[in-house]
Amino acid sequence: MTTAKTSTAAPVTPLFDRPLINALPVEHLCDLSIDLELGQVIKTHLGTRLTFVVKGGRFEGPRFRGEMLPGGGDWVHVGADGISRMDVRATLRTHDGVLIHYDSQGLLRYPADGRQRLAKGERLSFDETYIRPTPRFETSDERYAWLSGMVTVGYGEYGPGRIDHRMYCIL
């Protein structure tokens, strides 16, 4: 005859029976600035495509820092709804020489005159835009492998030839 064990752990309240949270727990990952070549504008039957070649950049955070290498790109699709969908791929090199693949999707919404203002050399502030990157990182280097297992989100600002993103890991 087997005896059933009784659990001494406190009962767990099911997720949907708990109160909603209004803020996700996050940790600042880094601030990333990307310098871009002048964009190529391509009108297509699916919308407008914008291609930006990465000239370089830098990133700095509490757990890693370094530079974005030239040669990556940002392939933006502007849909008929006016929402831009970013597709960034580039290589990061940490201060201690580790290469990390950077891949970021995300959404951008500008004010109605945003693209014209960028073309005139103006910077669009965080308060008037919706810029939300969702980056992913890939590396097998043990010192930075933790990046490959994090969900990362951010917000940003755009200016002529430059993107600035502040990024957070969701804990």
N, C-alpha and C. Protein backbone atom coordinates (compact mmCIF):
# COMPACT_ATOMS: atom_id res chain seq x y z
N MET A 1 0.84 -1.16 0.00
CA MET A 1 0.00 0.00 0.00
C MET A 1 0.89 1.23 0.00
N THR A 2 0.62 2.18 -0.91
CA THR A 2 1.41 3.41 -0.97
C THR A 2 0.67 4.51 -0.25
N THR A 3 1.44 5.35 0.35
CA THR A 3 0.87 6.48 1.07
C THR A 3 1.04 7.72 0.23
N ALA A 4 -0.01 8.44 0.02
CA ALA A 4 0.06 9.69 -0.76
C ALA A 4 0.75 10.74 0.07
N LYS A 5 1.67 11.46 -0.57
CA LYS A 5 2.37 12.54 0.12
C LYS A 5 1.51 13.78 0.07
N THR A 6 1.49 14.50 1.12
CA THR A 6 0.77 15.78 1.14
C THR A 6 1.78 16.89 0.97
N SER A 7 1.42 17.81 0.16
CA SER A 7 2.31 18.94 -0.13
C SER A 7 2.23 19.97 0.98
N THR A 8 3.39 20.45 1.38
CA THR A 8 3.43 21.51 2.39
C THR A 8 3.58 22.89 1.75
N ALA A 9 3.71 22.91 0.43
CA ALA A 9 3.84 24.19 -0.27
C ALA A 9 2.49 24.92 -0.26
N ALA A 10 2.58 26.22 -0.23
CA ALA A 10 1.35 27.03 -0.26
C ALA A 10 0.67 26.84 -1.61
N PRO A 11 -0.66 26.82 -1.64
CA PRO A 11 -1.35 26.67 -2.92
C PRO A 11 -1.06 27.86 -3.84
N VAL A 12 -0.98 27.58 -5.13
CA VAL A 12 -0.69 28.61 -6.12
C VAL A 12 -2.00 29.12 -6.69
N THR A 13 -2.16 30.43 -6.70
CA THR A 13 -3.35 31.03 -7.29
C THR A 13 -3.19 31.01 -8.80
N PRO A 14 -4.17 30.47 -9.53
CA PRO A 14 -4.05 30.45 -11.00
C PRO A 14 -3.88 31.87 -11.57
N LEU A 15 -3.15 31.95 -12.65
CA LEU A 15 -2.80 33.23 -13.26
C LEU A 15 -4.00 34.14 -13.48
N PHE A 16 -5.08 33.61 -14.05
CA PHE A 16 -6.23 34.45 -14.38
C PHE A 16 -7.05 34.86 -13.16
N ASP A 17 -6.73 34.29 -12.02
CA ASP A 17 -7.39 34.69 -10.77
C ASP A 17 -6.59 35.75 -10.02
N ARG A 18 -5.42 36.09 -10.53
CA ARG A 18 -4.58 37.11 -9.89
C ARG A 18 -4.90 38.47 -10.49
N PRO A 19 -4.59 39.56 -9.75
CA PRO A 19 -4.82 40.90 -10.31
C PRO A 19 -3.92 41.14 -11.53
N LEU A 20 -4.40 41.97 -12.45
CA LEU A 20 -3.59 42.37 -13.60
C LEU A 20 -2.40 43.20 -13.13
N ILE A 21 -1.29 43.05 -13.81
CA ILE A 21 -0.17 43.93 -13.54
C ILE A 21 -0.20 45.05 -14.58
N ASN A 22 0.25 46.22 -14.21
CA ASN A 22 0.24 47.33 -15.17
C ASN A 22 1.64 47.74 -15.59
N ALA A 23 2.64 46.98 -15.17
CA ALA A 23 4.01 47.24 -15.60
C ALA A 23 4.77 45.92 -15.56
N LEU A 24 5.48 45.62 -16.63
CA LEU A 24 6.31 44.43 -16.66
C LEU A 24 7.62 44.70 -15.92
N PRO A 25 8.14 43.70 -15.25
CA PRO A 25 9.44 43.89 -14.61
C PRO A 25 10.53 43.91 -15.68
N VAL A 26 11.31 44.97 -15.73
CA VAL A 26 12.34 45.10 -16.75
C VAL A 26 13.66 45.53 -16.12
N GLU A 27 14.72 45.31 -16.88
CA GLU A 27 16.06 45.75 -16.50
C GLU A 27 16.67 46.43 -17.72
N HIS A 28 17.28 47.60 -17.52
CA HIS A 28 17.91 48.31 -18.63
C HIS A 28 19.02 47.44 -19.22
N LEU A 29 18.93 47.19 -20.51
CA LEU A 29 19.95 46.40 -21.20
C LEU A 29 21.04 47.31 -21.76
N CYS A 30 20.62 48.28 -22.59
CA CYS A 30 21.61 49.17 -23.18
C CYS A 30 20.93 50.31 -23.92
N ASP A 31 21.71 51.32 -24.23
CA ASP A 31 21.32 52.38 -25.16
C ASP A 31 22.12 52.12 -26.43
N LEU A 32 21.43 52.15 -27.56
CA LEU A 32 22.04 51.83 -28.84
C LEU A 32 21.80 52.97 -29.81
N SER A 33 22.87 53.47 -30.42
CA SER A 33 22.77 54.49 -31.47
C SER A 33 23.29 53.88 -32.75
N ILE A 34 22.50 54.01 -33.82
CA ILE A 34 22.87 53.46 -35.12
C ILE A 34 22.98 54.61 -36.12
N ASP A 35 24.12 54.71 -36.78
CA ASP A 35 24.33 55.71 -37.83
C ASP A 35 24.05 55.05 -39.17
N LEU A 36 23.24 55.73 -40.00
CA LEU A 36 22.77 55.15 -41.26
C LEU A 36 23.15 55.99 -42.46
N GLU A 37 23.35 55.29 -43.59
CA GLU A 37 23.49 55.98 -44.87
C GLU A 37 22.13 56.56 -45.24
N LEU A 38 22.12 57.47 -46.18
CA LEU A 38 20.87 58.01 -46.70
C LEU A 38 20.02 56.87 -47.25
N GLY A 39 18.74 56.88 -46.94
CA GLY A 39 17.85 55.79 -47.32
C GLY A 39 17.54 55.72 -48.81
N GLN A 40 17.29 54.52 -49.28
CA GLN A 40 16.84 54.28 -50.64
C GLN A 40 15.33 54.06 -50.57
N VAL A 41 14.57 54.81 -51.32
CA VAL A 41 13.11 54.72 -51.31
C VAL A 41 12.66 53.95 -52.54
N ILE A 42 11.90 52.87 -52.31
CA ILE A 42 11.45 52.01 -53.40
C ILE A 42 9.94 51.85 -53.28
N LYS A 43 9.21 52.40 -54.25
CA LYS A 43 7.75 52.24 -54.29
C LYS A 43 7.43 50.86 -54.88
N THR A 44 6.55 50.11 -54.19
CA THR A 44 6.15 48.80 -54.70
C THR A 44 4.63 48.68 -54.61
N HIS A 45 4.09 47.63 -55.19
CA HIS A 45 2.65 47.40 -55.13
C HIS A 45 2.20 47.02 -53.72
N LEU A 46 3.14 46.68 -52.83
CA LEU A 46 2.81 46.32 -51.45
C LEU A 46 3.01 47.48 -50.48
N GLY A 47 3.47 48.60 -50.98
CA GLY A 47 3.77 49.75 -50.13
C GLY A 47 5.14 50.30 -50.48
N THR A 48 5.66 51.12 -49.61
CA THR A 48 6.98 51.70 -49.83
C THR A 48 8.02 50.95 -49.02
N ARG A 49 9.12 50.64 -49.67
CA ARG A 49 10.26 50.00 -49.00
C ARG A 49 11.35 51.05 -48.84
N LEU A 50 11.95 51.10 -47.67
CA LEU A 50 13.07 51.99 -47.40
C LEU A 50 14.24 51.12 -46.97
N THR A 51 15.38 51.29 -47.61
CA THR A 51 16.57 50.52 -47.28
C THR A 51 17.63 51.47 -46.76
N PHE A 52 18.11 51.19 -45.56
CA PHE A 52 19.16 52.00 -44.93
C PHE A 52 20.34 51.09 -44.62
N VAL A 53 21.53 51.48 -45.07
CA VAL A 53 22.74 50.73 -44.78
C VAL A 53 23.36 51.30 -43.51
N VAL A 54 23.77 50.41 -42.61
CA VAL A 54 24.39 50.82 -41.35
C VAL A 54 25.81 51.29 -41.60
N LYS A 55 26.11 52.52 -41.16
CA LYS A 55 27.48 53.06 -41.24
C LYS A 55 28.29 52.67 -40.01
N GLY A 56 27.61 52.43 -38.91
CA GLY A 56 28.26 52.09 -37.65
C GLY A 56 27.35 52.47 -36.51
N GLY A 57 27.87 52.41 -35.32
CA GLY A 57 27.08 52.78 -34.16
C GLY A 57 27.77 52.35 -32.89
N ARG A 58 27.07 52.55 -31.78
CA ARG A 58 27.64 52.18 -30.48
C ARG A 58 26.51 51.77 -29.56
N PHE A 59 26.87 50.97 -28.56
CA PHE A 59 25.91 50.59 -27.54
C PHE A 59 26.61 50.55 -26.19
N GLU A 60 25.85 50.86 -25.16
CA GLU A 60 26.42 50.84 -23.81
C GLU A 60 25.32 50.52 -22.81
N GLY A 61 25.62 49.57 -21.96
CA GLY A 61 24.69 49.18 -20.91
C GLY A 61 25.46 48.68 -19.71
N PRO A 62 24.75 48.32 -18.65
CA PRO A 62 25.42 47.90 -17.42
C PRO A 62 26.16 46.57 -17.55
N ARG A 63 25.76 45.72 -18.52
CA ARG A 63 26.40 44.40 -18.63
C ARG A 63 27.18 44.18 -19.91
N PHE A 64 27.04 45.09 -20.88
CA PHE A 64 27.87 44.97 -22.08
C PHE A 64 27.87 46.29 -22.83
N ARG A 65 28.95 46.48 -23.61
CA ARG A 65 29.11 47.71 -24.38
C ARG A 65 30.01 47.42 -25.58
N GLY A 66 29.93 48.31 -26.57
CA GLY A 66 30.76 48.12 -27.74
C GLY A 66 30.26 48.93 -28.91
N GLU A 67 30.45 48.39 -30.11
CA GLU A 67 30.10 49.11 -31.33
C GLU A 67 29.27 48.25 -32.27
N MET A 68 28.49 48.91 -33.11
CA MET A 68 27.80 48.24 -34.21
C MET A 68 28.69 48.41 -35.42
N LEU A 69 28.97 47.31 -36.09
CA LEU A 69 29.88 47.36 -37.23
C LEU A 69 29.16 47.84 -38.48
N PRO A 70 29.88 48.49 -39.38
CA PRO A 70 29.29 48.92 -40.66
C PRO A 70 28.87 47.70 -41.49
N GLY A 71 27.86 47.91 -42.33
CA GLY A 71 27.48 46.88 -43.29
C GLY A 71 26.15 46.21 -43.05
N GLY A 72 25.58 46.36 -41.88
CA GLY A 72 24.24 45.81 -41.66
C GLY A 72 23.22 46.71 -42.33
N GLY A 73 21.95 46.47 -42.04
CA GLY A 73 20.94 47.30 -42.66
C GLY A 73 19.62 47.31 -41.91
N ASP A 74 18.81 48.28 -42.30
CA ASP A 74 17.44 48.40 -41.80
C ASP A 74 16.54 48.45 -43.02
N TRP A 75 15.73 47.41 -43.18
CA TRP A 75 14.82 47.31 -44.31
C TRP A 75 13.42 47.60 -43.77
N VAL A 76 12.92 48.77 -44.06
CA VAL A 76 11.64 49.23 -43.52
C VAL A 76 10.56 49.07 -44.59
N HIS A 77 9.41 48.56 -44.16
CA HIS A 77 8.25 48.48 -45.04
C HIS A 77 7.19 49.41 -44.50
N VAL A 78 6.79 50.39 -45.29
CA VAL A 78 5.72 51.32 -44.90
C VAL A 78 4.45 50.83 -45.57
N GLY A 79 3.50 50.39 -44.77
CA GLY A 79 2.25 49.85 -45.30
C GLY A 79 1.26 50.94 -45.65
N ALA A 80 0.17 50.54 -46.28
CA ALA A 80 -0.89 51.48 -46.64
C ALA A 80 -1.52 52.11 -45.40
N ASP A 81 -1.36 51.45 -44.25
CA ASP A 81 -1.90 51.98 -43.00
C ASP A 81 -1.00 53.05 -42.39
N GLY A 82 0.15 53.33 -43.03
CA GLY A 82 1.07 54.34 -42.53
C GLY A 82 2.01 53.83 -41.46
N ILE A 83 1.85 52.59 -41.05
CA ILE A 83 2.74 52.01 -40.03
C ILE A 83 3.98 51.44 -40.72
N SER A 84 5.13 51.77 -40.18
CA SER A 84 6.40 51.24 -40.69
C SER A 84 6.78 50.02 -39.87
N ARG A 85 7.22 49.00 -40.58
CA ARG A 85 7.68 47.78 -39.92
C ARG A 85 9.17 47.65 -40.19
N MET A 86 9.96 47.71 -39.10
CA MET A 86 11.41 47.66 -39.26
C MET A 86 11.91 46.23 -39.28
N ASP A 87 13.03 46.06 -39.92
CA ASP A 87 13.71 44.77 -40.03
C ASP A 87 15.20 45.08 -40.07
N VAL A 88 15.82 45.07 -38.90
CA VAL A 88 17.23 45.45 -38.77
C VAL A 88 18.06 44.19 -38.55
N ARG A 89 19.18 44.11 -39.25
CA ARG A 89 20.15 43.04 -39.03
C ARG A 89 21.53 43.63 -39.10
N ALA A 90 22.33 43.34 -38.09
CA ALA A 90 23.67 43.91 -38.04
C ALA A 90 24.54 43.08 -37.10
N THR A 91 25.80 43.45 -37.02
CA THR A 91 26.74 42.78 -36.14
C THR A 91 27.23 43.76 -35.08
N LEU A 92 27.18 43.31 -33.83
CA LEU A 92 27.74 44.07 -32.73
C LEU A 92 29.09 43.48 -32.36
N ARG A 93 30.01 44.34 -31.96
CA ARG A 93 31.28 43.87 -31.42
C ARG A 93 31.44 44.48 -30.04
N THR A 94 31.56 43.63 -29.04
CA THR A 94 31.68 44.12 -27.67
C THR A 94 33.06 44.73 -27.44
N HIS A 95 33.20 45.44 -26.34
CA HIS A 95 34.47 46.09 -26.01
C HIS A 95 35.61 45.09 -25.89
N ASP A 96 35.28 43.80 -25.61
CA ASP A 96 36.31 42.78 -25.48
C ASP A 96 36.38 41.85 -26.70
N GLY A 97 35.81 42.31 -27.84
CA GLY A 97 36.03 41.63 -29.11
C GLY A 97 35.05 40.54 -29.51
N VAL A 98 33.98 40.35 -28.77
CA VAL A 98 33.01 39.31 -29.11
C VAL A 98 32.02 39.83 -30.16
N LEU A 99 31.79 39.02 -31.22
CA LEU A 99 30.81 39.38 -32.24
C LEU A 99 29.45 38.80 -31.86
N ILE A 100 28.41 39.63 -31.98
CA ILE A 100 27.04 39.25 -31.64
C ILE A 100 26.15 39.63 -32.81
N HIS A 101 25.33 38.67 -33.27
CA HIS A 101 24.36 38.95 -34.32
C HIS A 101 23.19 39.70 -33.68
N TYR A 102 22.80 40.82 -34.30
CA TYR A 102 21.69 41.65 -33.83
C TYR A 102 20.61 41.61 -34.88
N ASP A 103 19.39 41.30 -34.44
CA ASP A 103 18.24 41.19 -35.34
C ASP A 103 17.08 41.86 -34.63
N SER A 104 16.46 42.84 -35.25
CA SER A 104 15.38 43.55 -34.58
C SER A 104 14.22 43.80 -35.53
N GLN A 105 13.06 43.44 -35.07
CA GLN A 105 11.81 43.78 -35.75
C GLN A 105 11.19 44.90 -34.91
N GLY A 106 10.13 45.47 -35.38
CA GLY A 106 9.45 46.47 -34.58
C GLY A 106 8.54 47.33 -35.41
N LEU A 107 7.86 48.24 -34.74
CA LEU A 107 6.91 49.13 -35.38
C LEU A 107 7.32 50.58 -35.18
N LEU A 108 6.99 51.40 -36.20
CA LEU A 108 7.25 52.84 -36.14
C LEU A 108 6.01 53.56 -36.64
N ARG A 109 5.55 54.51 -35.87
CA ARG A 109 4.48 55.41 -36.33
C ARG A 109 4.98 56.83 -36.09
N TYR A 110 4.94 57.61 -37.15
CA TYR A 110 5.36 59.00 -37.10
C TYR A 110 4.13 59.91 -37.14
N PRO A 111 4.29 61.16 -36.72
CA PRO A 111 3.20 62.12 -36.97
C PRO A 111 3.04 62.30 -38.49
N ALA A 112 1.91 62.86 -38.89
CA ALA A 112 1.60 63.00 -40.33
C ALA A 112 2.74 63.66 -41.11
N ASP A 113 3.42 64.63 -40.52
CA ASP A 113 4.49 65.33 -41.23
C ASP A 113 5.89 64.79 -40.87
N GLY A 114 5.94 63.64 -40.21
CA GLY A 114 7.20 63.10 -39.70
C GLY A 114 8.25 62.84 -40.75
N ARG A 115 7.88 62.18 -41.82
CA ARG A 115 8.87 61.86 -42.86
C ARG A 115 9.40 63.12 -43.54
N GLN A 116 8.53 64.10 -43.74
CA GLN A 116 8.98 65.37 -44.34
C GLN A 116 9.94 66.08 -43.38
N ARG A 117 9.64 66.04 -42.10
CA ARG A 117 10.52 66.69 -41.12
C ARG A 117 11.87 66.01 -41.04
N LEU A 118 11.88 64.68 -41.10
CA LEU A 118 13.16 63.97 -41.13
C LEU A 118 13.96 64.37 -42.36
N ALA A 119 13.29 64.45 -43.51
CA ALA A 119 13.96 64.83 -44.76
C ALA A 119 14.55 66.24 -44.67
N LYS A 120 13.93 67.11 -43.85
CA LYS A 120 14.44 68.48 -43.67
C LYS A 120 15.55 68.55 -42.63
N GLY A 121 15.88 67.41 -42.01
CA GLY A 121 16.96 67.40 -41.03
C GLY A 121 16.50 67.50 -39.59
N GLU A 122 15.20 67.41 -39.33
CA GLU A 122 14.70 67.49 -37.95
C GLU A 122 14.77 66.13 -37.26
N ARG A 123 14.79 66.16 -35.96
CA ARG A 123 14.74 64.96 -35.13
C ARG A 123 13.32 64.80 -34.61
N LEU A 124 12.82 63.57 -34.62
CA LEU A 124 11.49 63.29 -34.09
C LEU A 124 11.63 62.73 -32.68
N SER A 125 11.00 63.39 -31.72
CA SER A 125 11.17 62.99 -30.32
C SER A 125 10.31 61.80 -29.96
N PHE A 126 10.66 61.18 -28.86
CA PHE A 126 9.92 60.03 -28.33
C PHE A 126 8.46 60.38 -28.08
N ASP A 127 8.21 61.60 -27.61
CA ASP A 127 6.85 62.01 -27.25
C ASP A 127 5.89 62.07 -28.44
N GLU A 128 6.40 62.21 -29.64
CA GLU A 128 5.52 62.37 -30.80
C GLU A 128 5.54 61.17 -31.76
N THR A 129 6.23 60.13 -31.38
CA THR A 129 6.33 58.96 -32.24
C THR A 129 6.01 57.69 -31.44
N TYR A 130 5.86 56.61 -32.15
CA TYR A 130 5.73 55.29 -31.55
C TYR A 130 6.79 54.42 -32.22
N ILE A 131 7.92 54.28 -31.57
CA ILE A 131 9.04 53.50 -32.10
C ILE A 131 9.33 52.41 -31.08
N ARG A 132 9.04 51.18 -31.45
CA ARG A 132 9.17 50.06 -30.51
C ARG A 132 9.92 48.90 -31.15
N PRO A 133 11.24 48.84 -30.96
CA PRO A 133 12.01 47.71 -31.46
C PRO A 133 11.88 46.50 -30.53
N THR A 134 12.02 45.32 -31.12
CA THR A 134 12.02 44.07 -30.35
C THR A 134 13.26 43.26 -30.78
N PRO A 135 14.42 43.64 -30.28
CA PRO A 135 15.66 43.01 -30.73
C PRO A 135 15.89 41.61 -30.16
N ARG A 136 16.69 40.85 -30.91
CA ARG A 136 17.17 39.54 -30.48
C ARG A 136 18.68 39.51 -30.72
N PHE A 137 19.35 38.74 -29.92
CA PHE A 137 20.80 38.64 -29.99
C PHE A 137 21.19 37.18 -30.09
N GLU A 138 22.26 36.92 -30.86
CA GLU A 138 22.76 35.55 -30.99
C GLU A 138 24.28 35.55 -30.86
N THR A 139 24.77 34.72 -29.96
CA THR A 139 26.20 34.47 -29.83
C THR A 139 26.39 33.18 -29.07
N SER A 140 27.50 32.51 -29.32
CA SER A 140 27.81 31.30 -28.56
C SER A 140 28.89 31.59 -27.51
N ASP A 141 29.41 32.81 -27.47
CA ASP A 141 30.42 33.15 -26.49
C ASP A 141 29.80 33.10 -25.09
N GLU A 142 30.42 32.34 -24.21
CA GLU A 142 29.88 32.13 -22.86
C GLU A 142 29.64 33.42 -22.09
N ARG A 143 30.46 34.43 -22.33
CA ARG A 143 30.32 35.69 -21.59
C ARG A 143 29.04 36.44 -21.93
N TYR A 144 28.49 36.19 -23.13
CA TYR A 144 27.31 36.92 -23.58
C TYR A 144 26.16 36.00 -24.01
N ALA A 145 26.29 34.72 -23.76
CA ALA A 145 25.24 33.77 -24.15
C ALA A 145 23.90 34.10 -23.49
N TRP A 146 23.92 34.75 -22.34
CA TRP A 146 22.69 35.15 -21.64
C TRP A 146 21.80 36.02 -22.53
N LEU A 147 22.40 36.79 -23.45
CA LEU A 147 21.62 37.64 -24.35
C LEU A 147 20.69 36.83 -25.25
N SER A 148 21.11 35.64 -25.62
CA SER A 148 20.32 34.81 -26.53
C SER A 148 19.03 34.30 -25.90
N GLY A 149 18.94 34.36 -24.58
CA GLY A 149 17.77 33.85 -23.89
C GLY A 149 16.91 34.92 -23.25
N MET A 150 17.03 36.16 -23.71
CA MET A 150 16.27 37.27 -23.14
C MET A 150 15.25 37.79 -24.14
N VAL A 151 14.08 38.18 -23.63
CA VAL A 151 13.12 38.92 -24.45
C VAL A 151 13.42 40.39 -24.21
N THR A 152 13.64 41.12 -25.30
CA THR A 152 14.09 42.50 -25.21
C THR A 152 13.12 43.40 -25.95
N VAL A 153 12.81 44.53 -25.37
CA VAL A 153 11.95 45.53 -25.99
C VAL A 153 12.59 46.90 -25.79
N GLY A 154 12.15 47.85 -26.58
CA GLY A 154 12.72 49.18 -26.43
C GLY A 154 11.82 50.25 -26.98
N TYR A 155 12.33 51.45 -26.93
CA TYR A 155 11.67 52.60 -27.54
C TYR A 155 12.77 53.47 -28.11
N GLY A 156 12.38 54.40 -28.98
CA GLY A 156 13.44 55.16 -29.61
C GLY A 156 13.03 56.49 -30.17
N GLU A 157 14.04 57.14 -30.74
CA GLU A 157 13.87 58.40 -31.45
C GLU A 157 14.65 58.31 -32.75
N TYR A 158 14.16 59.02 -33.75
CA TYR A 158 14.81 59.05 -35.05
C TYR A 158 15.21 60.47 -35.39
N GLY A 159 16.34 60.56 -36.03
CA GLY A 159 16.82 61.81 -36.58
C GLY A 159 17.44 61.51 -37.93
N PRO A 160 17.81 62.53 -38.66
CA PRO A 160 18.42 62.29 -39.97
C PRO A 160 19.69 61.45 -39.83
N GLY A 161 19.69 60.30 -40.44
CA GLY A 161 20.87 59.45 -40.43
C GLY A 161 21.19 58.77 -39.12
N ARG A 162 20.26 58.79 -38.17
CA ARG A 162 20.58 58.20 -36.87
C ARG A 162 19.32 57.70 -36.16
N ILE A 163 19.46 56.54 -35.55
CA ILE A 163 18.42 55.94 -34.72
C ILE A 163 18.99 55.79 -33.31
N ASP A 164 18.23 56.17 -32.31
CA ASP A 164 18.62 55.95 -30.91
C ASP A 164 17.56 55.09 -30.25
N HIS A 165 17.98 53.97 -29.68
CA HIS A 165 17.05 53.06 -28.99
C HIS A 165 17.52 52.85 -27.55
N ARG A 166 16.60 52.89 -26.64
CA ARG A 166 16.85 52.48 -25.25
C ARG A 166 16.16 51.14 -25.08
N MET A 167 16.92 50.13 -24.65
CA MET A 167 16.40 48.77 -24.63
C MET A 167 16.42 48.16 -23.24
N TYR A 168 15.42 47.30 -23.02
CA TYR A 168 15.23 46.65 -21.73
C TYR A 168 15.01 45.15 -21.92
N CYS A 169 15.50 44.36 -20.96
CA CYS A 169 15.18 42.94 -20.89
C CYS A 169 13.94 42.80 -20.02
N ILE A 170 13.00 41.99 -20.47
CA ILE A 170 11.85 41.67 -19.64
C ILE A 170 12.29 40.55 -18.71
N LEU A 171 12.14 40.76 -17.43
CA LEU A 171 12.59 39.78 -16.44
C LEU A 171 11.57 38.70 -16.21
